[in-house]
């Protein structure tokens, strides 16, 4: 938020079934660079809070349709409004037991009617300061999380590139062995030779892939879950392929990592495009990165 009461505009939602009470609150908070939204009952106020996400909510305890306690509980149950400060006001429920009930329901503060202007302004200032502190903390936590994800993505990319490099070396070794066997005119049947080469490929893959897969799952869990939600028919291999393309790896790199032929990856890429229902003129990598940005 990063706003000050003297120059910034804050949005305050006032929920009360009596228009006169709403007017009193507005007048007592006049000249404070505030923007007001109003609702005449809890249900209407909840809907308005979800659509506008105000900086602060001031609501009456006793209202028709949905009273103050019910409204606060509903606000706290919604992720979008769960952190918005709520000041409960009442002219009837004034003792300490009622105060505790308001706090237990999720209210941030409590003010008694008739409302004193100085007390109201003080509580509003405190509530907005709390809101700002919450947002600063959330932004810091989000930055830390993004930095951690970025580091994991970098580590996964580096490990994938290294695996591709190792597999390319293995491929050159295999080609060298195959050529040497032919040149030496070994009597060993060609099918036996190919069988041993296939075995070698599988052993190489089994040795290298587990470390990549661990980083793979740690880094892209949310992305994979989001893909499954949007495209529930995707196979496990299609999900892995989608992540590898999102990482910016080329078809040749993916071929080297997975020990699938270049042509096999090209065909798998086409199947993935079909599964994602991508238009012919849409780039696959850009499409996947756009989905990743939705998180």
Foldseek 3Di string as FASTA:
>chain_A
DPDDQQPEEFEEEEEALDVVVVVVLDVLCPPRNYHYHYYNHLVVSLVCCQVPVTQAYEYEQDHPPAGDLRSQLVLCVDPSRVQRAYEYEYAPQDDPVSQVSSVVSPHPYYAYPPGDSVVSVVVVVVRSVSSVVVVVVVVVVVVVVVVVLVVLLVVLVVLLQVQLVVLVVLVVVLVVVVVVCVVVVDPPDPVVSVVVSVVVSVVSLVVRVPVSVVSVCVNCVVLLVLCCVVQVVDDPVLSSLLVCVLSVDDLSSVCSNNVNDSVRSVVSVVVSCVSVVPDPVDDSNVVSVVSVVVD
